[in-house]
Amino acid sequence: MDRVRDLASKKACVVFTKSSCYMCHSITQLFYELGASPAVHELDNDAYGREMEWALRSLGCNPSVPAVFIGAKFVGSAKDVISLHVDGSLKQKLKDAKAIWF
């Protein structure tokens, strides 16, 4: 859990993914389209990936990826991010965290 929190606090927008996950790719692309440049951590390519995956599950991420943190706060999974985008609050969260400036 400490490793996840540490990585999540190093950048305004952080996405934990797996390289073979299409939803992970879609969520990451959404952030790029909004002007954010998220830190992307692929769990299947990280030596501590399994441990981080269990930590994300303990936060309530099921499936464990994508798991999104904005401003070091856990936002949720793909469903949560899409809901925030649809209701218009995702962009404001990114602005508040200084992940985007406009």
PDB file of N, CA and C in Angstrom:
ATOM      1  N   MET A   1       0.831  -1.201   0.000  1.00  0.00           N
ATOM      2  CA  MET A   1       0.000   0.000   0.000  1.00  0.00           C
ATOM      3  C   MET A   1       0.869   1.256   0.000  1.00  0.00           C
ATOM      4  N   ASP A   2       1.973   1.218   0.736  1.00  0.00           N
ATOM      5  CA  ASP A   2       2.845   2.394   0.803  1.00  0.00           C
ATOM      6  C   ASP A   2       3.429   2.740  -0.559  1.00  0.00           C
ATOM      7  N   ARG A   3       3.795   1.714  -1.317  1.00  0.00           N
ATOM      8  CA  ARG A   3       4.362   1.949  -2.647  1.00  0.00           C
ATOM      9  C   ARG A   3       3.332   2.610  -3.558  1.00  0.00           C
ATOM     10  N   VAL A   4       2.096   2.154  -3.514  1.00  0.00           N
ATOM     11  CA  VAL A   4       1.030   2.746  -4.323  1.00  0.00           C
ATOM     12  C   VAL A   4       0.837   4.206  -3.934  1.00  0.00           C
ATOM     13  N   ARG A   5       0.731   4.468  -2.659  1.00  0.00           N
ATOM     14  CA  ARG A   5       0.526   5.855  -2.193  1.00  0.00           C
ATOM     15  C   ARG A   5       1.713   6.745  -2.565  1.00  0.00           C
ATOM     16  N   ASP A   6       2.931   6.200  -2.448  1.00  0.00           N
ATOM     17  CA  ASP A   6       4.120   6.964  -2.794  1.00  0.00           C
ATOM     18  C   ASP A   6       4.115   7.327  -4.284  1.00  0.00           C
ATOM     19  N   LEU A   7       3.864   6.360  -5.140  1.00  0.00           N
ATOM     20  CA  LEU A   7       3.823   6.621  -6.584  1.00  0.00           C
ATOM     21  C   LEU A   7       2.679   7.574  -6.938  1.00  0.00           C
ATOM     22  N   ALA A   8       1.550   7.418  -6.272  1.00  0.00           N
ATOM     23  CA  ALA A   8       0.377   8.261  -6.551  1.00  0.00           C
ATOM     24  C   ALA A   8       0.609   9.715  -6.161  1.00  0.00           C
ATOM     25  N   SER A   9       1.514   9.949  -5.233  1.00  0.00           N
ATOM     26  CA  SER A   9       1.750  11.317  -4.772  1.00  0.00           C
ATOM     27  C   SER A   9       2.841  12.041  -5.563  1.00  0.00           C
ATOM     28  N   LYS A  10       3.512  11.344  -6.477  1.00  0.00           N
ATOM     29  CA  LYS A  10       4.637  11.954  -7.194  1.00  0.00           C
ATOM     30  C   LYS A  10       4.234  12.794  -8.397  1.00  0.00           C
ATOM     31  N   LYS A  11       3.009  12.652  -8.858  1.00  0.00           N
ATOM     32  CA  LYS A  11       2.547  13.410 -10.014  1.00  0.00           C
ATOM     33  C   LYS A  11       1.066  13.745  -9.822  1.00  0.00           C
ATOM     34  N   ALA A  12       0.605  14.792 -10.489  1.00  0.00           N
ATOM     35  CA  ALA A  12      -0.782  15.243 -10.314  1.00  0.00           C
ATOM     36  C   ALA A  12      -1.805  14.218 -10.777  1.00  0.00           C
ATOM     37  N   CYS A  13      -1.450  13.430 -11.783  1.00  0.00           N
ATOM     38  CA  CYS A  13      -2.363  12.411 -12.303  1.00  0.00           C
ATOM     39  C   CYS A  13      -1.580  11.120 -12.494  1.00  0.00           C
ATOM     40  N   VAL A  14      -2.050  10.047 -11.869  1.00  0.00           N
ATOM     41  CA  VAL A  14      -1.364   8.756 -11.920  1.00  0.00           C
ATOM     42  C   VAL A  14      -2.378   7.673 -12.266  1.00  0.00           C
ATOM     43  N   VAL A  15      -1.990   6.809 -13.215  1.00  0.00           N
ATOM     44  CA  VAL A  15      -2.853   5.711 -13.624  1.00  0.00           C
ATOM     45  C   VAL A  15      -2.071   4.403 -13.505  1.00  0.00           C
ATOM     46  N   PHE A  16      -2.616   3.464 -12.749  1.00  0.00           N
ATOM     47  CA  PHE A  16      -2.048   2.127 -12.652  1.00  0.00           C
ATOM     48  C   PHE A  16      -2.771   1.267 -13.679  1.00  0.00           C
ATOM     49  N   THR A  17      -1.993   0.593 -14.529  1.00  0.00           N
ATOM     50  CA  THR A  17      -2.557  -0.138 -15.651  1.00  0.00           C
ATOM     51  C   THR A  17      -1.918  -1.513 -15.789  1.00  0.00           C
ATOM     52  N   LYS A  18      -2.382  -2.234 -16.794  1.00  0.00           N
ATOM     53  CA  LYS A  18      -1.724  -3.440 -17.295  1.00  0.00           C
ATOM     54  C   LYS A  18      -1.605  -3.262 -18.804  1.00  0.00           C
ATOM     55  N   SER A  19      -0.518  -3.737 -19.366  1.00  0.00           N
ATOM     56  CA  SER A  19      -0.249  -3.490 -20.783  1.00  0.00           C
ATOM     57  C   SER A  19      -1.295  -4.092 -21.718  1.00  0.00           C
ATOM     58  N   SER A  20      -1.966  -5.144 -21.294  1.00  0.00           N
ATOM     59  CA  SER A  20      -2.947  -5.800 -22.166  1.00  0.00           C
ATOM     60  C   SER A  20      -4.386  -5.328 -21.929  1.00  0.00           C
ATOM     61  N   CYS A  21      -4.592  -4.346 -21.102  1.00  0.00           N
ATOM     62  CA  CYS A  21      -5.938  -3.890 -20.734  1.00  0.00           C
ATOM     63  C   CYS A  21      -6.405  -2.755 -21.652  1.00  0.00           C
ATOM     64  N   TYR A  22      -7.451  -3.018 -22.439  1.00  0.00           N
ATOM     65  CA  TYR A  22      -7.938  -1.986 -23.357  1.00  0.00           C
ATOM     66  C   TYR A  22      -8.569  -0.810 -22.617  1.00  0.00           C
ATOM     67  N   MET A  23      -9.227  -1.040 -21.491  1.00  0.00           N
ATOM     68  CA  MET A  23      -9.822   0.068 -20.735  1.00  0.00           C
ATOM     69  C   MET A  23      -8.735   0.956 -20.146  1.00  0.00           C
ATOM     70  N   CYS A  24      -7.631   0.349 -19.744  1.00  0.00           N
ATOM     71  CA  CYS A  24      -6.503   1.136 -19.233  1.00  0.00           C
ATOM     72  C   CYS A  24      -6.007   2.086 -20.318  1.00  0.00           C
ATOM     73  N   HIS A  25      -5.864   1.559 -21.515  1.00  0.00           N
ATOM     74  CA  HIS A  25      -5.419   2.373 -22.647  1.00  0.00           C
ATOM     75  C   HIS A  25      -6.430   3.492 -22.921  1.00  0.00           C
ATOM     76  N   SER A  26      -7.700   3.174 -22.884  1.00  0.00           N
ATOM     77  CA  SER A  26      -8.750   4.172 -23.154  1.00  0.00           C
ATOM     78  C   SER A  26      -8.740   5.288 -22.120  1.00  0.00           C
ATOM     79  N   ILE A  27      -8.610   4.929 -20.863  1.00  0.00           N
ATOM     80  CA  ILE A  27      -8.598   5.941 -19.799  1.00  0.00           C
ATOM     81  C   ILE A  27      -7.359   6.816 -19.913  1.00  0.00           C
ATOM     82  N   THR A  28      -6.223   6.208 -20.189  1.00  0.00           N
ATOM     83  CA  THR A  28      -4.993   6.978 -20.368  1.00  0.00           C
ATOM     84  C   THR A  28      -5.138   7.945 -21.542  1.00  0.00           C
ATOM     85  N   GLN A  29      -5.711   7.484 -22.648  1.00  0.00           N
ATOM     86  CA  GLN A  29      -5.939   8.342 -23.811  1.00  0.00           C
ATOM     87  C   GLN A  29      -6.882   9.494 -23.469  1.00  0.00           C
ATOM     88  N   LEU A  30      -7.892   9.240 -22.663  1.00  0.00           N
ATOM     89  CA  LEU A  30      -8.808  10.303 -22.249  1.00  0.00           C
ATOM     90  C   LEU A  30      -8.044  11.421 -21.542  1.00  0.00           C
ATOM     91  N   PHE A  31      -7.147  11.048 -20.650  1.00  0.00           N
ATOM     92  CA  PHE A  31      -6.359  12.072 -19.949  1.00  0.00           C
ATOM     93  C   PHE A  31      -5.498  12.865 -20.921  1.00  0.00           C
ATOM     94  N   TYR A  32      -4.872  12.182 -21.881  1.00  0.00           N
ATOM     95  CA  TYR A  32      -4.069  12.885 -22.883  1.00  0.00           C
ATOM     96  C   TYR A  32      -4.936  13.854 -23.685  1.00  0.00           C
ATOM     97  N   GLU A  33      -6.139  13.429 -24.045  1.00  0.00           N
ATOM     98  CA  GLU A  33      -7.043  14.288 -24.815  1.00  0.00           C
ATOM     99  C   GLU A  33      -7.490  15.504 -24.013  1.00  0.00           C
ATOM    100  N   LEU A  34      -7.554  15.371 -22.702  1.00  0.00           N
ATOM    101  CA  LEU A  34      -7.931  16.493 -21.845  1.00  0.00           C
ATOM    102  C   LEU A  34      -6.747  17.414 -21.565  1.00  0.00           C
ATOM    103  N   GLY A  35      -5.555  17.026 -22.010  1.00  0.00           N
ATOM    104  CA  GLY A  35      -4.378  17.866 -21.826  1.00  0.00           C
ATOM    105  C   GLY A  35      -3.490  17.464 -20.672  1.00  0.00           C
ATOM    106  N   ALA A  36      -3.837  16.388 -19.997  1.00  0.00           N
ATOM    107  CA  ALA A  36      -3.023  15.912 -18.871  1.00  0.00           C
ATOM    108  C   ALA A  36      -1.976  14.928 -19.390  1.00  0.00           C
ATOM    109  N   SER A  37      -0.903  14.814 -18.659  1.00  0.00           N
ATOM    110  CA  SER A  37       0.139  13.850 -18.996  1.00  0.00           C
ATOM    111  C   SER A  37       0.346  12.959 -17.768  1.00  0.00           C
ATOM    112  N   PRO A  38      -0.470  11.919 -17.644  1.00  0.00           N
ATOM    113  CA  PRO A  38      -0.422  11.107 -16.420  1.00  0.00           C
ATOM    114  C   PRO A  38       0.838  10.246 -16.335  1.00  0.00           C
ATOM    115  N   ALA A  39       1.231   9.966 -15.112  1.00  0.00           N
ATOM    116  CA  ALA A  39       2.252   8.947 -14.891  1.00  0.00           C
ATOM    117  C   ALA A  39       1.538   7.613 -15.001  1.00  0.00           C
ATOM    118  N   VAL A  40       2.032   6.745 -15.848  1.00  0.00           N
ATOM    119  CA  VAL A  40       1.394   5.452 -16.078  1.00  0.00           C
ATOM    120  C   VAL A  40       2.319   4.364 -15.545  1.00  0.00           C
ATOM    121  N   HIS A  41       1.787   3.549 -14.642  1.00  0.00           N
ATOM    122  CA  HIS A  41       2.552   2.446 -14.057  1.00  0.00           C
ATOM    123  C   HIS A  41       1.887   1.140 -14.468  1.00  0.00           C
ATOM    124  N   GLU A  42       2.569   0.378 -15.318  1.00  0.00           N
ATOM    125  CA  GLU A  42       2.046  -0.901 -15.781  1.00  0.00           C
ATOM    126  C   GLU A  42       2.425  -1.989 -14.783  1.00  0.00           C
ATOM    127  N   LEU A  43       1.438  -2.514 -14.107  1.00  0.00           N
ATOM    128  CA  LEU A  43       1.684  -3.483 -13.042  1.00  0.00           C
ATOM    129  C   LEU A  43       2.312  -4.773 -13.555  1.00  0.00           C
ATOM    130  N   ASP A  44       1.979  -5.166 -14.777  1.00  0.00           N
ATOM    131  CA  ASP A  44       2.545  -6.410 -15.295  1.00  0.00           C
ATOM    132  C   ASP A  44       3.998  -6.253 -15.748  1.00  0.00           C
ATOM    133  N   ASN A  45       4.506  -5.034 -15.742  1.00  0.00           N
ATOM    134  CA  ASN A  45       5.901  -4.782 -16.094  1.00  0.00           C
ATOM    135  C   ASN A  45       6.699  -4.230 -14.921  1.00  0.00           C
ATOM    136  N   ASP A  46       6.170  -4.365 -13.719  1.00  0.00           N
ATOM    137  CA  ASP A  46       6.820  -3.853 -12.513  1.00  0.00           C
ATOM    138  C   ASP A  46       7.110  -5.015 -11.569  1.00  0.00           C
ATOM    139  N   ALA A  47       8.289  -5.012 -10.992  1.00  0.00           N
ATOM    140  CA  ALA A  47       8.680  -6.092 -10.079  1.00  0.00           C
ATOM    141  C   ALA A  47       7.745  -6.189  -8.875  1.00  0.00           C
ATOM    142  N   TYR A  48       7.137  -5.074  -8.492  1.00  0.00           N
ATOM    143  CA  TYR A  48       6.223  -5.051  -7.353  1.00  0.00           C
ATOM    144  C   TYR A  48       4.759  -5.029  -7.796  1.00  0.00           C
ATOM    145  N   GLY A  49       4.516  -5.377  -9.046  1.00  0.00           N
ATOM    146  CA  GLY A  49       3.177  -5.294  -9.622  1.00  0.00           C
ATOM    147  C   GLY A  49       2.118  -6.066  -8.875  1.00  0.00           C
ATOM    148  N   ARG A  50       2.420  -7.303  -8.494  1.00  0.00           N
ATOM    149  CA  ARG A  50       1.418  -8.107  -7.761  1.00  0.00           C
ATOM    150  C   ARG A  50       1.055  -7.478  -6.430  1.00  0.00           C
ATOM    151  N   GLU A  51       2.044  -6.996  -5.707  1.00  0.00           N
ATOM    152  CA  GLU A  51       1.784  -6.338  -4.417  1.00  0.00           C
ATOM    153  C   GLU A  51       0.933  -5.090  -4.618  1.00  0.00           C
ATOM    154  N   MET A  52       1.263  -4.305  -5.638  1.00  0.00           N
ATOM    155  CA  MET A  52       0.490  -3.090  -5.889  1.00  0.00           C
ATOM    156  C   MET A  52      -0.933  -3.429  -6.323  1.00  0.00           C
ATOM    157  N   GLU A  53      -1.082  -4.503  -7.080  1.00  0.00           N
ATOM    158  CA  GLU A  53      -2.422  -4.922  -7.492  1.00  0.00           C
ATOM    159  C   GLU A  53      -3.274  -5.279  -6.282  1.00  0.00           C
ATOM    160  N   TRP A  54      -2.717  -5.983  -5.328  1.00  0.00           N
ATOM    161  CA  TRP A  54      -3.465  -6.322  -4.109  1.00  0.00           C
ATOM    162  C   TRP A  54      -3.801  -5.068  -3.307  1.00  0.00           C
ATOM    163  N   ALA A  55      -2.869  -4.120  -3.264  1.00  0.00           N
ATOM    164  CA  ALA A  55      -3.133  -2.862  -2.559  1.00  0.00           C
ATOM    165  C   ALA A  55      -4.273  -2.103  -3.223  1.00  0.00           C
ATOM    166  N   LEU A  56      -4.298  -2.091  -4.545  1.00  0.00           N
ATOM    167  CA  LEU A  56      -5.381  -1.411  -5.261  1.00  0.00           C
ATOM    168  C   LEU A  56      -6.719  -2.102  -5.021  1.00  0.00           C
ATOM    169  N   ARG A  57      -6.706  -3.426  -4.977  1.00  0.00           N
ATOM    170  CA  ARG A  57      -7.946  -4.158  -4.668  1.00  0.00           C
ATOM    171  C   ARG A  57      -8.449  -3.805  -3.268  1.00  0.00           C
ATOM    172  N   SER A  58      -7.531  -3.626  -2.333  1.00  0.00           N
ATOM    173  CA  SER A  58      -7.950  -3.281  -0.966  1.00  0.00           C
ATOM    174  C   SER A  58      -8.549  -1.880  -0.897  1.00  0.00           C
ATOM    175  N   LEU A  59      -8.226  -1.032  -1.886  1.00  0.00           N
ATOM    176  CA  LEU A  59      -8.840   0.296  -1.958  1.00  0.00           C
ATOM    177  C   LEU A  59     -10.239   0.240  -2.563  1.00  0.00           C
ATOM    178  N   GLY A  60     -10.598  -0.915  -3.117  1.00  0.00           N
ATOM    179  CA  GLY A  60     -11.919  -1.063  -3.708  1.00  0.00           C
ATOM    180  C   GLY A  60     -11.907  -1.162  -5.213  1.00  0.00           C
ATOM    181  N   CYS A  61     -10.748  -1.234  -5.814  1.00  0.00           N
ATOM    182  CA  CYS A  61     -10.641  -1.368  -7.263  1.00  0.00           C
ATOM    183  C   CYS A  61     -10.867  -2.813  -7.661  1.00  0.00           C
ATOM    184  N   ASN A  62     -11.980  -3.085  -8.296  1.00  0.00           N
ATOM    185  CA  ASN A  62     -12.246  -4.426  -8.787  1.00  0.00           C
ATOM    186  C   ASN A  62     -12.969  -4.297 -10.121  1.00  0.00           C
ATOM    187  N   PRO A  63     -12.319  -4.523 -11.234  1.00  0.00           N
ATOM    188  CA  PRO A  63     -10.972  -5.048 -11.379  1.00  0.00           C
ATOM    189  C   PRO A  63      -9.934  -4.046 -10.881  1.00  0.00           C
ATOM    190  N   SER A  64      -8.735  -4.532 -10.665  1.00  0.00           N
ATOM    191  CA  SER A  64      -7.705  -3.714 -10.037  1.00  0.00           C
ATOM    192  C   SER A  64      -7.175  -2.597 -10.929  1.00  0.00           C
ATOM    193  N   VAL A  65      -7.339  -2.735 -12.231  1.00  0.00           N
ATOM    194  CA  VAL A  65      -6.876  -1.689 -13.143  1.00  0.00           C
ATOM    195  C   VAL A  65      -7.955  -1.366 -14.166  1.00  0.00           C
ATOM    196  N   PRO A  66      -8.029  -0.167 -14.680  1.00  0.00           N
ATOM    197  CA  PRO A  66      -7.184   0.954 -14.320  1.00  0.00           C
ATOM    198  C   PRO A  66      -7.571   1.521 -12.965  1.00  0.00           C
ATOM    199  N   ALA A  67      -6.588   1.993 -12.251  1.00  0.00           N
ATOM    200  CA  ALA A  67      -6.803   2.663 -10.971  1.00  0.00           C
ATOM    201  C   ALA A  67      -6.229   4.068 -11.105  1.00  0.00           C
ATOM    202  N   VAL A  68      -7.045   5.061 -10.835  1.00  0.00           N
ATOM    203  CA  VAL A  68      -6.668   6.446 -11.104  1.00  0.00           C
ATOM    204  C   VAL A  68      -6.577   7.247  -9.806  1.00  0.00           C
ATOM    205  N   PHE A  69      -5.493   8.022  -9.724  1.00  0.00           N
ATOM    206  CA  PHE A  69      -5.284   8.963  -8.624  1.00  0.00           C
ATOM    207  C   PHE A  69      -5.112  10.345  -9.238  1.00  0.00           C
ATOM    208  N   ILE A  70      -5.821  11.314  -8.698  1.00  0.00           N
ATOM    209  CA  ILE A  70      -5.674  12.707  -9.127  1.00  0.00           C
ATOM    210  C   ILE A  70      -5.397  13.526  -7.879  1.00  0.00           C
ATOM    211  N   GLY A  71      -4.304  14.269  -7.911  1.00  0.00           N
ATOM    212  CA  GLY A  71      -3.915  15.043  -6.731  1.00  0.00           C
ATOM    213  C   GLY A  71      -3.648  14.153  -5.543  1.00  0.00           C
ATOM    214  N   ALA A  72      -3.068  12.980  -5.787  1.00  0.00           N
ATOM    215  CA  ALA A  72      -2.718  11.977  -4.766  1.00  0.00           C
ATOM    216  C   ALA A  72      -3.940  11.361  -4.089  1.00  0.00           C
ATOM    217  N   LYS A  73      -5.134  11.639  -4.596  1.00  0.00           N
ATOM    218  CA  LYS A  73      -6.358  11.058  -4.038  1.00  0.00           C
ATOM    219  C   LYS A  73      -6.894  10.000  -4.989  1.00  0.00           C
ATOM    220  N   PHE A  74      -7.314   8.895  -4.419  1.00  0.00           N
ATOM    221  CA  PHE A  74      -7.862   7.808  -5.217  1.00  0.00           C
ATOM    222  C   PHE A  74      -9.198   8.230  -5.800  1.00  0.00           C
ATOM    223  N   VAL A  75      -9.302   8.208  -7.128  1.00  0.00           N
ATOM    224  CA  VAL A  75     -10.529   8.583  -7.820  1.00  0.00           C
ATOM    225  C   VAL A  75     -11.382   7.358  -8.091  1.00  0.00           C
ATOM    226  N   GLY A  76     -10.723   6.266  -8.496  1.00  0.00           N
ATOM    227  CA  GLY A  76     -11.464   5.045  -8.755  1.00  0.00           C
ATOM    228  C   GLY A  76     -10.982   4.356 -10.012  1.00  0.00           C
ATOM    229  N   SER A  77     -11.886   3.561 -10.557  1.00  0.00           N
ATOM    230  CA  SER A  77     -11.565   2.770 -11.743  1.00  0.00           C
ATOM    231  C   SER A  77     -12.129   3.455 -12.987  1.00  0.00           C
ATOM    232  N   ALA A  78     -12.133   2.746 -14.090  1.00  0.00           N
ATOM    233  CA  ALA A  78     -12.608   3.301 -15.360  1.00  0.00           C
ATOM    234  C   ALA A  78     -14.030   3.827 -15.247  1.00  0.00           C
ATOM    235  N   LYS A  79     -14.900   3.069 -14.614  1.00  0.00           N
ATOM    236  CA  LYS A  79     -16.300   3.481 -14.472  1.00  0.00           C
ATOM    237  C   LYS A  79     -16.401   4.819 -13.740  1.00  0.00           C
ATOM    238  N   ASP A  80     -15.614   4.989 -12.695  1.00  0.00           N
ATOM    239  CA  ASP A  80     -15.645   6.230 -11.921  1.00  0.00           C
ATOM    240  C   ASP A  80     -15.121   7.410 -12.737  1.00  0.00           C
ATOM    241  N   VAL A  81     -14.043   7.188 -13.474  1.00  0.00           N
ATOM    242  CA  VAL A  81     -13.455   8.248 -14.292  1.00  0.00           C
ATOM    243  C   VAL A  81     -14.424   8.660 -15.398  1.00  0.00           C
ATOM    244  N   ILE A  82     -15.039   7.695 -16.035  1.00  0.00           N
ATOM    245  CA  ILE A  82     -15.999   8.001 -17.103  1.00  0.00           C
ATOM    246  C   ILE A  82     -17.196   8.761 -16.537  1.00  0.00           C
ATOM    247  N   SER A  83     -17.670   8.372 -15.366  1.00  0.00           N
ATOM    248  CA  SER A  83     -18.784   9.097 -14.726  1.00  0.00           C
ATOM    249  C   SER A  83     -18.411  10.547 -14.449  1.00  0.00           C
ATOM    250  N   LEU A  84     -17.193  10.764 -13.959  1.00  0.00           N
ATOM    251  CA  LEU A  84     -16.740  12.135 -13.702  1.00  0.00           C
ATOM    252  C   LEU A  84     -16.628  12.925 -15.003  1.00  0.00           C
ATOM    253  N   HIS A  85     -16.176  12.273 -16.045  1.00  0.00           N
ATOM    254  CA  HIS A  85     -16.051  12.948 -17.339  1.00  0.00           C
ATOM    255  C   HIS A  85     -17.425  13.319 -17.892  1.00  0.00           C
ATOM    256  N   VAL A  86     -18.369  12.404 -17.804  1.00  0.00           N
ATOM    257  CA  VAL A  86     -19.720  12.653 -18.320  1.00  0.00           C
ATOM    258  C   VAL A  86     -20.404  13.782 -17.553  1.00  0.00           C
ATOM    259  N   ASP A  87     -20.231  13.821 -16.229  1.00  0.00           N
ATOM    260  CA  ASP A  87     -20.898  14.883 -15.466  1.00  0.00           C
ATOM    261  C   ASP A  87     -20.109  16.199 -15.458  1.00  0.00           C
ATOM    262  N   GLY A  88     -18.943  16.209 -16.121  1.00  0.00           N
ATOM    263  CA  GLY A  88     -18.186  17.452 -16.288  1.00  0.00           C
ATOM    264  C   GLY A  88     -17.213  17.779 -15.176  1.00  0.00           C
ATOM    265  N   SER A  89     -17.086  16.940 -14.179  1.00  0.00           N
ATOM    266  CA  SER A  89     -16.222  17.291 -13.048  1.00  0.00           C
ATOM    267  C   SER A  89     -14.793  16.769 -13.166  1.00  0.00           C
ATOM    268  N   LEU A  90     -14.512  15.900 -14.120  1.00  0.00           N
ATOM    269  CA  LEU A  90     -13.155  15.367 -14.270  1.00  0.00           C
ATOM    270  C   LEU A  90     -12.172  16.470 -14.626  1.00  0.00           C
ATOM    271  N   LYS A  91     -12.534  17.299 -15.561  1.00  0.00           N
ATOM    272  CA  LYS A  91     -11.645  18.383 -15.986  1.00  0.00           C
ATOM    273  C   LYS A  91     -11.333  19.316 -14.819  1.00  0.00           C
ATOM    274  N   GLN A  92     -12.332  19.605 -14.001  1.00  0.00           N
ATOM    275  CA  GLN A  92     -12.108  20.487 -12.853  1.00  0.00           C
ATOM    276  C   GLN A  92     -11.180  19.832 -11.835  1.00  0.00           C
ATOM    277  N   LYS A  93     -11.341  18.533 -11.613  1.00  0.00           N
ATOM    278  CA  LYS A  93     -10.431  17.815 -10.710  1.00  0.00           C
ATOM    279  C   LYS A  93      -8.993  17.903 -11.212  1.00  0.00           C
ATOM    280  N   LEU A  94      -8.819  17.762 -12.520  1.00  0.00           N
ATOM    281  CA  LEU A  94      -7.482  17.860 -13.099  1.00  0.00           C
ATOM    282  C   LEU A  94      -6.916  19.272 -12.957  1.00  0.00           C
ATOM    283  N   LYS A  95      -7.772  20.277 -13.120  1.00  0.00           N
ATOM    284  CA  LYS A  95      -7.332  21.664 -12.922  1.00  0.00           C
ATOM    285  C   LYS A  95      -6.934  21.907 -11.477  1.00  0.00           C
ATOM    286  N   ASP A  96      -7.770  21.454 -10.551  1.00  0.00           N
ATOM    287  CA  ASP A  96      -7.493  21.654  -9.123  1.00  0.00           C
ATOM    288  C   ASP A  96      -6.177  20.993  -8.696  1.00  0.00           C
ATOM    289  N   ALA A  97      -5.864  19.861  -9.315  1.00  0.00           N
ATOM    290  CA  ALA A  97      -4.633  19.143  -8.990  1.00  0.00           C
ATOM    291  C   ALA A  97      -3.434  19.686  -9.775  1.00  0.00           C
ATOM    292  N   LYS A  98      -3.693  20.654 -10.645  1.00  0.00           N
ATOM    293  CA  LYS A  98      -2.667  21.240 -11.507  1.00  0.00           C
ATOM    294  C   LYS A  98      -2.093  20.238 -12.510  1.00  0.00           C
ATOM    295  N   ALA A  99      -2.941  19.305 -12.934  1.00  0.00           N
ATOM    296  CA  ALA A  99      -2.567  18.363 -13.981  1.00  0.00           C
ATOM    297  C   ALA A  99      -2.786  18.988 -15.355  1.00  0.00           C
ATOM    298  N   ILE A 100      -3.717  19.965 -15.413  1.00  0.00           N
ATOM    299  CA  ILE A 100      -3.912  20.784 -16.612  1.00  0.00           C
ATOM    300  C   ILE A 100      -4.068  22.217 -16.151  1.00  0.00           C
ATOM    301  N   TRP A 101      -3.822  23.144 -17.062  1.00  0.00           N
ATOM    302  CA  TRP A 101      -3.800  24.555 -16.663  1.00  0.00           C
ATOM    303  C   TRP A 101      -4.870  25.399 -17.302  1.00  0.00           C
ATOM    304  N   PHE A 102      -5.672  24.859 -18.181  1.00  0.00           N
ATOM    305  CA  PHE A 102      -6.680  25.697 -18.866  1.00  0.00           C
ATOM    306  C   PHE A 102      -8.071  25.228 -18.575  1.00  0.00           C
TER     307      PHE A 102
END
